[in-house]
């Protein structure tokens, strides 16, 4: 079992000295230091640390904000650690997932994160519904049929012109040409 420290600061001008001292007092064997803000989940030292740890190791941080700034990122990292059977300790928040109480606190964090996500989705859906009720249109505006559409469409339908040439003549891309065919045939089923 090894104690692995993770320290981080937001810029290369800042120092991790305070974090280093706190982690050294706990007997951290290996230290990974990040000079990128924790709001970015794609951090090189974090990735190295997650690859480095082995079953039975414990990750130690001075506080959770050094590891992640969003609950979602934190829970994703903790999930990765759990899958590898690696413990997690945060000094400031006094969380230790090697204890039942620590796992309980993280479970509460997870439940709160899920509640927050559900509330955001619900508010988003309500906002869209309210905007639609006020007549707001979503998506791209419907493209008008080109002036020579009917002529080119009939040529294509009679197999006198291939789809690529038809699209080119109309100034469209092939996928757009096919979408417009579908719209046209729904609008004019006898065509």
N, C-alpha and C. Protein backbone atom coordinates (compact mmCIF):
# COMPACT_ATOMS: atom_id res chain seq x y z
N UNK A 1 0.84 -1.19 0.00
CA UNK A 1 0.00 0.00 0.00
C UNK A 1 0.88 1.25 0.00
N UNK A 2 0.59 2.15 -0.95
CA UNK A 2 1.37 3.39 -1.03
C UNK A 2 0.42 4.57 -0.89
N UNK A 3 0.93 5.63 -0.29
CA UNK A 3 0.18 6.88 -0.22
C UNK A 3 0.68 7.74 -1.38
N UNK A 4 -0.26 8.10 -2.25
CA UNK A 4 0.07 8.89 -3.44
C UNK A 4 -0.53 10.28 -3.25
N UNK A 5 0.31 11.30 -3.31
CA UNK A 5 -0.17 12.67 -3.15
C UNK A 5 -0.46 13.31 -4.49
N UNK A 6 -1.46 14.18 -4.48
CA UNK A 6 -1.78 14.95 -5.68
C UNK A 6 -1.94 16.40 -5.23
N UNK A 7 -1.11 17.26 -5.78
CA UNK A 7 -1.15 18.68 -5.44
C UNK A 7 -1.34 19.46 -6.73
N UNK A 8 -2.02 20.58 -6.63
CA UNK A 8 -2.24 21.35 -7.84
C UNK A 8 -2.44 22.83 -7.56
N UNK A 9 -2.04 23.62 -8.53
CA UNK A 9 -2.29 25.06 -8.53
C UNK A 9 -2.79 25.44 -9.92
N UNK A 10 -3.36 26.62 -10.03
CA UNK A 10 -3.99 27.03 -11.29
C UNK A 10 -3.01 27.54 -12.34
N UNK A 11 -1.87 28.10 -11.89
CA UNK A 11 -0.91 28.65 -12.86
C UNK A 11 0.51 28.22 -12.51
N UNK A 12 1.39 28.33 -13.48
CA UNK A 12 2.79 27.93 -13.26
C UNK A 12 3.51 28.90 -12.32
N UNK A 13 2.97 30.11 -12.06
CA UNK A 13 3.59 31.07 -11.17
C UNK A 13 3.30 30.75 -9.70
N UNK A 14 2.28 29.93 -9.45
CA UNK A 14 1.92 29.60 -8.07
C UNK A 14 2.76 28.42 -7.57
N UNK A 15 2.79 28.28 -6.26
CA UNK A 15 3.57 27.20 -5.66
C UNK A 15 2.67 26.23 -4.90
N UNK A 16 3.09 24.98 -4.84
CA UNK A 16 2.34 23.96 -4.12
C UNK A 16 2.96 23.68 -2.75
N UNK A 17 3.82 24.56 -2.27
CA UNK A 17 4.60 24.33 -1.04
C UNK A 17 3.70 23.97 0.15
N UNK A 18 2.62 24.71 0.35
CA UNK A 18 1.72 24.45 1.47
C UNK A 18 1.14 23.04 1.37
N UNK A 19 0.69 22.69 0.15
CA UNK A 19 0.12 21.35 -0.07
C UNK A 19 1.19 20.28 0.12
N UNK A 20 2.39 20.53 -0.43
CA UNK A 20 3.49 19.57 -0.32
C UNK A 20 3.80 19.26 1.14
N UNK A 21 3.84 20.32 1.98
CA UNK A 21 4.14 20.13 3.40
C UNK A 21 3.07 19.29 4.09
N UNK A 22 1.81 19.60 3.81
CA UNK A 22 0.70 18.86 4.44
C UNK A 22 0.73 17.39 4.03
N UNK A 23 1.03 17.13 2.77
CA UNK A 23 1.06 15.76 2.27
C UNK A 23 2.28 15.00 2.81
N UNK A 24 3.42 15.70 2.94
CA UNK A 24 4.63 15.08 3.46
C UNK A 24 4.44 14.63 4.91
N UNK A 25 3.70 15.43 5.69
CA UNK A 25 3.43 15.08 7.09
C UNK A 25 2.68 13.75 7.20
N UNK A 26 1.91 13.41 6.17
CA UNK A 26 1.14 12.17 6.18
C UNK A 26 1.93 10.99 5.63
N UNK A 27 3.16 11.23 5.24
CA UNK A 27 4.00 10.14 4.75
C UNK A 27 3.69 9.73 3.32
N UNK A 28 3.36 10.71 2.48
CA UNK A 28 3.10 10.44 1.07
C UNK A 28 4.37 9.92 0.40
N UNK A 29 4.26 8.80 -0.30
CA UNK A 29 5.42 8.18 -0.94
C UNK A 29 5.75 8.82 -2.29
N UNK A 30 4.73 9.13 -3.06
CA UNK A 30 4.90 9.67 -4.41
C UNK A 30 3.98 10.88 -4.55
N UNK A 31 4.47 11.91 -5.21
CA UNK A 31 3.67 13.13 -5.36
C UNK A 31 3.54 13.50 -6.83
N UNK A 32 2.32 13.76 -7.26
CA UNK A 32 2.05 14.26 -8.60
C UNK A 32 1.62 15.72 -8.45
N UNK A 33 2.31 16.61 -9.18
CA UNK A 33 2.05 18.04 -9.07
C UNK A 33 1.55 18.58 -10.40
N UNK A 34 0.42 19.28 -10.33
CA UNK A 34 -0.23 19.83 -11.52
C UNK A 34 -0.17 21.35 -11.47
N UNK A 35 0.15 21.96 -12.60
CA UNK A 35 0.18 23.43 -12.69
C UNK A 35 -0.90 23.92 -13.66
N UNK A 36 -2.03 23.22 -13.63
CA UNK A 36 -3.20 23.55 -14.46
C UNK A 36 -4.40 23.58 -13.54
N UNK A 37 -5.30 24.51 -13.76
CA UNK A 37 -6.49 24.61 -12.92
C UNK A 37 -7.33 23.34 -12.92
N UNK A 38 -7.94 23.04 -11.79
CA UNK A 38 -8.72 21.81 -11.62
C UNK A 38 -10.06 21.86 -12.34
N UNK A 39 -10.44 23.03 -12.89
CA UNK A 39 -11.70 23.07 -13.63
C UNK A 39 -11.59 22.30 -14.94
N UNK A 40 -10.35 22.06 -15.38
CA UNK A 40 -10.09 21.28 -16.57
C UNK A 40 -9.85 19.83 -16.14
N UNK A 41 -10.73 18.92 -16.54
CA UNK A 41 -10.61 17.52 -16.13
C UNK A 41 -9.53 16.79 -16.93
N UNK A 42 -9.07 17.38 -18.02
CA UNK A 42 -8.08 16.75 -18.88
C UNK A 42 -6.69 17.29 -18.50
N UNK A 43 -6.11 16.71 -17.42
CA UNK A 43 -4.83 17.18 -16.91
C UNK A 43 -3.80 16.05 -16.97
N UNK A 44 -2.60 16.34 -17.50
CA UNK A 44 -1.59 15.30 -17.70
C UNK A 44 -1.17 14.57 -16.41
N UNK A 45 -0.90 15.32 -15.34
CA UNK A 45 -0.45 14.69 -14.10
C UNK A 45 -1.57 13.87 -13.46
N UNK A 46 -2.80 14.33 -13.59
CA UNK A 46 -3.94 13.56 -13.07
C UNK A 46 -4.05 12.23 -13.80
N UNK A 47 -3.91 12.28 -15.12
CA UNK A 47 -3.96 11.04 -15.92
C UNK A 47 -2.83 10.09 -15.51
N UNK A 48 -1.61 10.65 -15.36
CA UNK A 48 -0.47 9.81 -14.96
C UNK A 48 -0.73 9.16 -13.60
N UNK A 49 -1.27 9.96 -12.67
CA UNK A 49 -1.53 9.43 -11.34
C UNK A 49 -2.57 8.31 -11.39
N UNK A 50 -3.64 8.51 -12.16
CA UNK A 50 -4.70 7.51 -12.24
C UNK A 50 -4.19 6.21 -12.90
N UNK A 51 -3.22 6.34 -13.80
CA UNK A 51 -2.61 5.15 -14.41
C UNK A 51 -1.63 4.48 -13.44
N UNK A 52 -0.98 5.29 -12.62
CA UNK A 52 0.08 4.82 -11.72
C UNK A 52 -0.47 4.01 -10.54
N UNK A 53 -1.59 4.44 -9.97
CA UNK A 53 -2.09 3.82 -8.74
C UNK A 53 -2.46 2.37 -8.93
N UNK A 54 -2.28 1.60 -7.85
CA UNK A 54 -2.59 0.17 -7.85
C UNK A 54 -3.52 -0.14 -6.69
N UNK A 55 -4.12 -1.30 -6.76
CA UNK A 55 -5.03 -1.75 -5.70
C UNK A 55 -4.37 -1.62 -4.34
N UNK A 56 -5.12 -1.03 -3.38
CA UNK A 56 -4.62 -0.85 -2.03
C UNK A 56 -3.97 0.50 -1.79
N UNK A 57 -3.60 1.23 -2.85
CA UNK A 57 -3.02 2.56 -2.69
C UNK A 57 -4.08 3.53 -2.16
N UNK A 58 -3.62 4.68 -1.67
CA UNK A 58 -4.52 5.73 -1.20
C UNK A 58 -4.06 7.04 -1.83
N UNK A 59 -5.00 7.73 -2.47
CA UNK A 59 -4.73 9.06 -3.02
C UNK A 59 -5.02 10.07 -1.91
N UNK A 60 -4.09 10.99 -1.68
CA UNK A 60 -4.26 12.01 -0.64
C UNK A 60 -4.16 13.39 -1.30
N UNK A 61 -5.15 14.25 -0.99
CA UNK A 61 -5.12 15.64 -1.47
C UNK A 61 -5.33 16.56 -0.27
N UNK A 62 -4.84 17.79 -0.39
CA UNK A 62 -5.03 18.74 0.72
C UNK A 62 -6.49 19.16 0.83
N UNK A 63 -7.14 19.33 -0.32
CA UNK A 63 -8.58 19.59 -0.34
C UNK A 63 -9.15 19.20 -1.69
N UNK A 64 -10.44 18.92 -1.71
CA UNK A 64 -11.10 18.39 -2.91
C UNK A 64 -10.92 19.31 -4.11
N UNK A 65 -10.91 20.62 -3.88
CA UNK A 65 -10.82 21.56 -5.01
C UNK A 65 -9.51 21.41 -5.78
N UNK A 66 -8.49 20.79 -5.18
CA UNK A 66 -7.24 20.53 -5.89
C UNK A 66 -7.42 19.40 -6.90
N UNK A 67 -8.35 18.49 -6.61
CA UNK A 67 -8.57 17.33 -7.47
C UNK A 67 -9.61 17.64 -8.56
N UNK A 68 -10.69 18.33 -8.18
CA UNK A 68 -11.76 18.63 -9.14
C UNK A 68 -12.56 19.84 -8.67
N UNK A 69 -13.04 20.62 -9.63
CA UNK A 69 -13.86 21.78 -9.31
C UNK A 69 -15.34 21.51 -9.52
N UNK A 70 -15.66 20.42 -10.20
CA UNK A 70 -17.09 20.10 -10.38
C UNK A 70 -17.37 18.76 -9.73
N UNK A 71 -18.56 18.64 -9.20
CA UNK A 71 -18.96 17.39 -8.55
C UNK A 71 -18.89 16.24 -9.53
N UNK A 72 -19.32 16.50 -10.77
CA UNK A 72 -19.30 15.45 -11.79
C UNK A 72 -17.88 14.92 -12.01
N UNK A 73 -16.91 15.84 -12.16
CA UNK A 73 -15.52 15.41 -12.35
C UNK A 73 -15.01 14.66 -11.13
N UNK A 74 -15.33 15.16 -9.93
CA UNK A 74 -14.89 14.50 -8.71
C UNK A 74 -15.42 13.08 -8.64
N UNK A 75 -16.72 12.93 -8.89
CA UNK A 75 -17.31 11.60 -8.79
C UNK A 75 -16.78 10.66 -9.87
N UNK A 76 -16.46 11.20 -11.03
CA UNK A 76 -15.86 10.39 -12.09
C UNK A 76 -14.48 9.88 -11.67
N UNK A 77 -13.69 10.76 -11.07
CA UNK A 77 -12.36 10.38 -10.59
C UNK A 77 -12.48 9.34 -9.47
N UNK A 78 -13.39 9.60 -8.54
CA UNK A 78 -13.59 8.66 -7.43
C UNK A 78 -14.06 7.31 -7.94
N UNK A 79 -14.92 7.32 -8.97
CA UNK A 79 -15.38 6.06 -9.56
C UNK A 79 -14.21 5.28 -10.15
N UNK A 80 -13.31 5.99 -10.84
CA UNK A 80 -12.11 5.35 -11.38
C UNK A 80 -11.27 4.73 -10.26
N UNK A 81 -11.12 5.47 -9.16
CA UNK A 81 -10.35 4.96 -8.03
C UNK A 81 -11.03 3.74 -7.42
N UNK A 82 -12.35 3.81 -7.28
CA UNK A 82 -13.09 2.67 -6.71
C UNK A 82 -12.92 1.42 -7.57
N UNK A 83 -12.96 1.59 -8.89
CA UNK A 83 -12.81 0.44 -9.79
C UNK A 83 -11.43 -0.21 -9.63
N UNK A 84 -10.44 0.62 -9.28
CA UNK A 84 -9.08 0.10 -9.09
C UNK A 84 -8.83 -0.30 -7.63
N UNK A 85 -9.87 -0.16 -6.78
CA UNK A 85 -9.76 -0.46 -5.34
C UNK A 85 -8.69 0.40 -4.68
N UNK A 86 -8.75 1.70 -5.00
CA UNK A 86 -7.82 2.69 -4.46
C UNK A 86 -8.61 3.62 -3.55
N UNK A 87 -8.09 3.89 -2.36
CA UNK A 87 -8.75 4.78 -1.41
C UNK A 87 -8.51 6.24 -1.76
N UNK A 88 -9.28 7.12 -1.10
CA UNK A 88 -9.16 8.55 -1.33
C UNK A 88 -9.29 9.27 0.00
N UNK A 89 -8.37 10.22 0.24
CA UNK A 89 -8.40 11.02 1.46
C UNK A 89 -8.27 12.49 1.08
N UNK A 90 -9.16 13.30 1.64
CA UNK A 90 -9.07 14.76 1.48
C UNK A 90 -8.92 15.35 2.87
N UNK A 91 -7.81 16.04 3.11
CA UNK A 91 -7.51 16.54 4.45
C UNK A 91 -8.49 17.61 4.91
N UNK A 92 -8.72 18.62 4.09
CA UNK A 92 -9.56 19.75 4.50
C UNK A 92 -10.98 19.31 4.81
N UNK A 93 -11.57 18.47 3.95
CA UNK A 93 -12.95 18.05 4.14
C UNK A 93 -13.07 16.85 5.08
N UNK A 94 -11.91 16.30 5.49
CA UNK A 94 -11.87 15.15 6.39
C UNK A 94 -12.67 13.96 5.81
N UNK A 95 -12.41 13.67 4.55
CA UNK A 95 -13.05 12.53 3.89
C UNK A 95 -12.00 11.45 3.69
N UNK A 96 -12.38 10.24 4.04
CA UNK A 96 -11.49 9.09 3.89
C UNK A 96 -12.35 7.92 3.42
N UNK A 97 -12.24 7.57 2.12
CA UNK A 97 -13.10 6.50 1.58
C UNK A 97 -12.67 5.11 2.02
N UNK A 98 -11.59 5.04 2.81
CA UNK A 98 -11.24 3.74 3.36
C UNK A 98 -12.07 3.44 4.61
N UNK A 99 -12.87 4.44 5.05
CA UNK A 99 -13.75 4.24 6.20
C UNK A 99 -15.21 4.28 5.74
N UNK A 100 -16.10 3.62 6.48
CA UNK A 100 -17.53 3.66 6.12
C UNK A 100 -18.09 5.09 6.10
N UNK A 101 -17.66 5.92 7.05
CA UNK A 101 -18.15 7.30 7.10
C UNK A 101 -17.72 8.09 5.86
N UNK A 102 -16.48 7.88 5.43
CA UNK A 102 -15.98 8.57 4.23
C UNK A 102 -16.75 8.16 2.99
N UNK A 103 -17.03 6.87 2.86
CA UNK A 103 -17.82 6.39 1.72
C UNK A 103 -19.23 6.96 1.77
N UNK A 104 -19.78 7.08 2.98
CA UNK A 104 -21.11 7.65 3.16
C UNK A 104 -21.15 9.11 2.69
N UNK A 105 -20.16 9.88 3.10
CA UNK A 105 -20.10 11.30 2.69
C UNK A 105 -20.02 11.40 1.18
N UNK A 106 -19.21 10.56 0.54
CA UNK A 106 -19.12 10.60 -0.92
C UNK A 106 -20.42 10.16 -1.57
N UNK A 107 -21.14 9.24 -0.94
CA UNK A 107 -22.45 8.83 -1.46
C UNK A 107 -23.41 10.01 -1.43
N UNK A 108 -23.34 10.80 -0.36
CA UNK A 108 -24.18 12.01 -0.28
C UNK A 108 -23.79 12.98 -1.39
N UNK A 109 -22.48 13.17 -1.60
CA UNK A 109 -22.02 14.03 -2.69
C UNK A 109 -22.60 13.55 -4.01
N UNK A 110 -22.56 12.23 -4.24
CA UNK A 110 -23.09 11.67 -5.48
C UNK A 110 -24.57 11.93 -5.64
N UNK A 111 -25.33 11.74 -4.55
CA UNK A 111 -26.78 11.97 -4.60
C UNK A 111 -27.07 13.44 -4.88
N UNK A 112 -26.32 14.33 -4.25
CA UNK A 112 -26.52 15.77 -4.50
C UNK A 112 -26.18 16.14 -5.94
N UNK A 113 -25.13 15.55 -6.47
CA UNK A 113 -24.75 15.82 -7.86
C UNK A 113 -25.84 15.33 -8.81
N UNK A 114 -26.39 14.16 -8.54
CA UNK A 114 -27.46 13.63 -9.39
C UNK A 114 -28.70 14.51 -9.30
N UNK A 115 -29.04 14.96 -8.07
CA UNK A 115 -30.17 15.86 -7.90
C UNK A 115 -29.96 17.15 -8.67
N UNK A 116 -28.74 17.71 -8.57
CA UNK A 116 -28.42 18.94 -9.29
C UNK A 116 -28.58 18.74 -10.80
N UNK A 117 -28.08 17.63 -11.31
CA UNK A 117 -28.18 17.35 -12.74
C UNK A 117 -29.64 17.22 -13.17
N UNK A 118 -30.45 16.49 -12.38
CA UNK A 118 -31.87 16.33 -12.70
C UNK A 118 -32.60 17.67 -12.69
N UNK A 119 -32.26 18.52 -11.71
CA UNK A 119 -32.90 19.84 -11.64
C UNK A 119 -32.52 20.71 -12.84
N UNK A 120 -31.27 20.64 -13.25
CA UNK A 120 -30.83 21.41 -14.42
C UNK A 120 -31.58 20.95 -15.67
N UNK A 121 -31.68 19.63 -15.85
CA UNK A 121 -32.40 19.10 -17.02
C UNK A 121 -33.87 19.49 -16.99
N UNK A 122 -34.47 19.45 -15.81
CA UNK A 122 -35.88 19.81 -15.66
C UNK A 122 -36.10 21.29 -16.00
N UNK A 123 -35.24 22.16 -15.46
CA UNK A 123 -35.37 23.59 -15.76
C UNK A 123 -35.15 23.86 -17.25
N UNK A 124 -34.21 23.15 -17.84
CA UNK A 124 -33.93 23.29 -19.27
C UNK A 124 -35.18 22.93 -20.09
N UNK A 125 -35.77 21.79 -19.78
CA UNK A 125 -36.98 21.33 -20.48
C UNK A 125 -38.13 22.32 -20.28
N UNK A 126 -38.31 22.82 -19.05
CA UNK A 126 -39.36 23.80 -18.77
C UNK A 126 -39.12 25.08 -19.56
N UNK A 127 -37.87 25.50 -19.66
CA UNK A 127 -37.55 26.71 -20.42
C UNK A 127 -37.87 26.55 -21.90
N UNK A 128 -37.55 25.40 -22.45
CA UNK A 128 -37.85 25.13 -23.86
C UNK A 128 -39.36 25.10 -24.08
N UNK A 129 -40.08 24.41 -23.19
CA UNK A 129 -41.54 24.34 -23.32
C UNK A 129 -42.18 25.73 -23.23
N UNK A 130 -41.68 26.57 -22.31
CA UNK A 130 -42.22 27.92 -22.16
C UNK A 130 -41.93 28.75 -23.42
N UNK A 131 -40.73 28.61 -23.96
CA UNK A 131 -40.38 29.36 -25.18
C UNK A 131 -41.25 28.91 -26.35
N UNK A 132 -41.48 27.59 -26.47
CA UNK A 132 -42.34 27.09 -27.54
C UNK A 132 -43.77 27.62 -27.40
N UNK A 133 -44.24 27.69 -26.14
CA UNK A 133 -45.59 28.19 -25.89
C UNK A 133 -45.71 29.66 -26.31
N UNK A 134 -44.61 30.39 -26.24
CA UNK A 134 -44.60 31.79 -26.68
C UNK A 134 -44.36 31.93 -28.18
N UNK A 135 -44.25 30.79 -28.88
CA UNK A 135 -44.09 30.82 -30.33
C UNK A 135 -42.66 30.79 -30.81
N UNK A 136 -41.70 30.58 -29.92
CA UNK A 136 -40.29 30.53 -30.32
C UNK A 136 -40.05 29.27 -31.15
N UNK A 137 -39.37 29.45 -32.26
CA UNK A 137 -39.01 28.33 -33.13
C UNK A 137 -37.59 27.90 -32.81
N UNK A 138 -37.35 26.59 -32.82
CA UNK A 138 -36.03 26.05 -32.54
C UNK A 138 -35.48 25.38 -33.79
N UNK A 139 -34.17 25.29 -33.86
CA UNK A 139 -33.53 24.65 -35.00
C UNK A 139 -33.30 25.62 -36.14
N UNK A 140 -32.77 25.08 -37.21
CA UNK A 140 -32.52 25.91 -38.39
C UNK A 140 -33.82 26.25 -39.08
N UNK A 141 -33.87 27.42 -39.72
CA UNK A 141 -35.06 27.72 -40.51
C UNK A 141 -35.14 26.74 -41.69
N UNK A 142 -36.35 26.43 -42.09
CA UNK A 142 -36.55 25.50 -43.20
C UNK A 142 -36.07 26.16 -44.49
N UNK A 143 -35.25 25.44 -45.23
CA UNK A 143 -34.68 25.95 -46.47
C UNK A 143 -35.74 25.93 -47.58
N UNK A 144 -35.81 27.01 -48.31
CA UNK A 144 -36.74 27.08 -49.43
C UNK A 144 -36.24 26.20 -50.58
N UNK A 145 -37.16 25.69 -51.36
CA UNK A 145 -36.77 24.91 -52.54
C UNK A 145 -36.17 25.86 -53.57
N UNK A 146 -35.07 25.46 -54.21
CA UNK A 146 -34.48 26.31 -55.26
C UNK A 146 -35.48 26.54 -56.40
N UNK A 147 -35.27 27.61 -57.17
CA UNK A 147 -36.20 28.00 -58.25
C UNK A 147 -36.43 26.87 -59.25
N UNK A 148 -35.38 26.19 -59.63
CA UNK A 148 -35.52 25.14 -60.64
C UNK A 148 -35.69 23.75 -60.00
N UNK A 149 -36.16 23.70 -58.76
CA UNK A 149 -36.30 22.45 -58.04
C UNK A 149 -37.16 21.43 -58.78
N UNK A 150 -38.35 21.83 -59.17
CA UNK A 150 -39.30 20.88 -59.75
C UNK A 150 -38.73 20.25 -61.02
N UNK A 151 -38.09 21.06 -61.86
CA UNK A 151 -37.51 20.57 -63.11
C UNK A 151 -36.41 19.54 -62.82
N UNK A 152 -35.48 19.86 -61.92
CA UNK A 152 -34.37 18.97 -61.59
C UNK A 152 -34.89 17.72 -60.87
N UNK A 153 -35.86 17.90 -59.99
CA UNK A 153 -36.45 16.77 -59.28
C UNK A 153 -37.04 15.77 -60.27
N UNK A 154 -37.79 16.26 -61.25
CA UNK A 154 -38.41 15.37 -62.24
C UNK A 154 -37.35 14.64 -63.06
N UNK A 155 -36.26 15.34 -63.41
CA UNK A 155 -35.18 14.70 -64.14
C UNK A 155 -34.55 13.59 -63.30
N UNK A 156 -34.34 13.88 -62.03
CA UNK A 156 -33.76 12.88 -61.12
C UNK A 156 -34.71 11.69 -60.96
N UNK A 157 -35.99 11.98 -60.79
CA UNK A 157 -36.99 10.93 -60.59
C UNK A 157 -37.07 10.02 -61.82
N UNK A 158 -36.91 10.62 -63.01
CA UNK A 158 -36.95 9.85 -64.26
C UNK A 158 -35.59 9.21 -64.57
N UNK A 159 -34.64 9.34 -63.67
CA UNK A 159 -33.30 8.77 -63.79
C UNK A 159 -32.52 9.35 -64.98
N UNK A 160 -32.83 10.59 -65.33
CA UNK A 160 -32.10 11.26 -66.41
C UNK A 160 -30.87 11.97 -65.85
N UNK A 161 -30.84 12.13 -64.55
CA UNK A 161 -29.73 12.83 -63.89
C UNK A 161 -29.42 12.11 -62.57
N UNK A 162 -28.15 11.99 -62.23
CA UNK A 162 -27.81 11.31 -60.97
C UNK A 162 -27.90 12.30 -59.80
N UNK A 163 -27.95 11.78 -58.56
CA UNK A 163 -28.12 12.66 -57.40
C UNK A 163 -27.01 13.70 -57.24
N UNK A 164 -25.78 13.32 -57.54
CA UNK A 164 -24.67 14.27 -57.40
C UNK A 164 -24.84 15.44 -58.35
N UNK A 165 -25.16 15.15 -59.62
CA UNK A 165 -25.35 16.22 -60.61
C UNK A 165 -26.58 17.05 -60.28
N UNK A 166 -27.64 16.41 -59.81
CA UNK A 166 -28.85 17.14 -59.44
C UNK A 166 -28.55 18.12 -58.31
N UNK A 167 -27.84 17.63 -57.30
CA UNK A 167 -27.50 18.49 -56.16
C UNK A 167 -26.63 19.65 -56.62
N UNK A 168 -25.65 19.36 -57.49
CA UNK A 168 -24.77 20.41 -58.01
C UNK A 168 -25.55 21.47 -58.77
N UNK A 169 -26.47 21.03 -59.62
CA UNK A 169 -27.27 21.96 -60.42
C UNK A 169 -28.13 22.86 -59.54
N UNK A 170 -28.56 22.34 -58.40
CA UNK A 170 -29.40 23.11 -57.47
C UNK A 170 -28.57 23.93 -56.48
N UNK A 171 -27.25 23.71 -56.50
CA UNK A 171 -26.38 24.43 -55.55
C UNK A 171 -26.49 23.87 -54.14
N UNK A 172 -26.76 22.56 -54.05
CA UNK A 172 -26.92 21.90 -52.76
C UNK A 172 -25.87 20.82 -52.57
N UNK A 173 -25.72 20.37 -51.35
CA UNK A 173 -24.91 19.19 -51.09
C UNK A 173 -25.84 17.98 -51.18
N UNK A 174 -25.28 16.82 -51.46
CA UNK A 174 -26.11 15.63 -51.63
C UNK A 174 -27.03 15.33 -50.45
N UNK A 175 -26.52 15.38 -49.21
CA UNK A 175 -27.43 15.11 -48.08
C UNK A 175 -28.61 16.08 -48.03
N UNK A 176 -28.34 17.35 -48.35
CA UNK A 176 -29.41 18.35 -48.36
C UNK A 176 -30.40 18.04 -49.47
N UNK A 177 -29.90 17.63 -50.62
CA UNK A 177 -30.76 17.25 -51.73
C UNK A 177 -31.71 16.13 -51.31
N UNK A 178 -31.17 15.10 -50.64
CA UNK A 178 -32.01 13.98 -50.19
C UNK A 178 -33.03 14.43 -49.15
N UNK A 179 -32.64 15.30 -48.23
CA UNK A 179 -33.60 15.81 -47.24
C UNK A 179 -34.72 16.58 -47.92
N UNK A 180 -34.36 17.36 -48.93
CA UNK A 180 -35.38 18.14 -49.63
C UNK A 180 -36.31 17.24 -50.44
N UNK A 181 -35.79 16.12 -50.95
CA UNK A 181 -36.64 15.15 -51.65
C UNK A 181 -37.71 14.64 -50.69
N UNK A 182 -37.28 14.28 -49.48
CA UNK A 182 -38.24 13.78 -48.48
C UNK A 182 -39.31 14.82 -48.20
N UNK A 183 -38.89 16.07 -47.98
CA UNK A 183 -39.86 17.15 -47.73
C UNK A 183 -40.80 17.32 -48.91
N UNK A 184 -40.25 17.28 -50.12
CA UNK A 184 -41.04 17.49 -51.34
C UNK A 184 -42.08 16.38 -51.50
N UNK A 185 -41.64 15.15 -51.27
CA UNK A 185 -42.54 14.02 -51.47
C UNK A 185 -43.63 13.94 -50.41
N UNK A 186 -43.36 14.47 -49.21
CA UNK A 186 -44.42 14.56 -48.20
C UNK A 186 -45.40 15.67 -48.59
N UNK A 187 -44.84 16.78 -49.10
CA UNK A 187 -45.65 17.93 -49.48
C UNK A 187 -46.48 17.63 -50.74
N UNK A 188 -45.88 16.93 -51.70
CA UNK A 188 -46.52 16.64 -52.98
C UNK A 188 -46.48 15.14 -53.25
N UNK A 189 -47.29 14.32 -52.57
CA UNK A 189 -47.17 12.88 -52.70
C UNK A 189 -47.42 12.33 -54.12
N UNK A 190 -48.05 13.10 -54.97
CA UNK A 190 -48.31 12.63 -56.34
C UNK A 190 -47.12 12.85 -57.26
N UNK A 191 -46.08 13.51 -56.80
CA UNK A 191 -44.93 13.86 -57.64
C UNK A 191 -44.22 12.68 -58.19
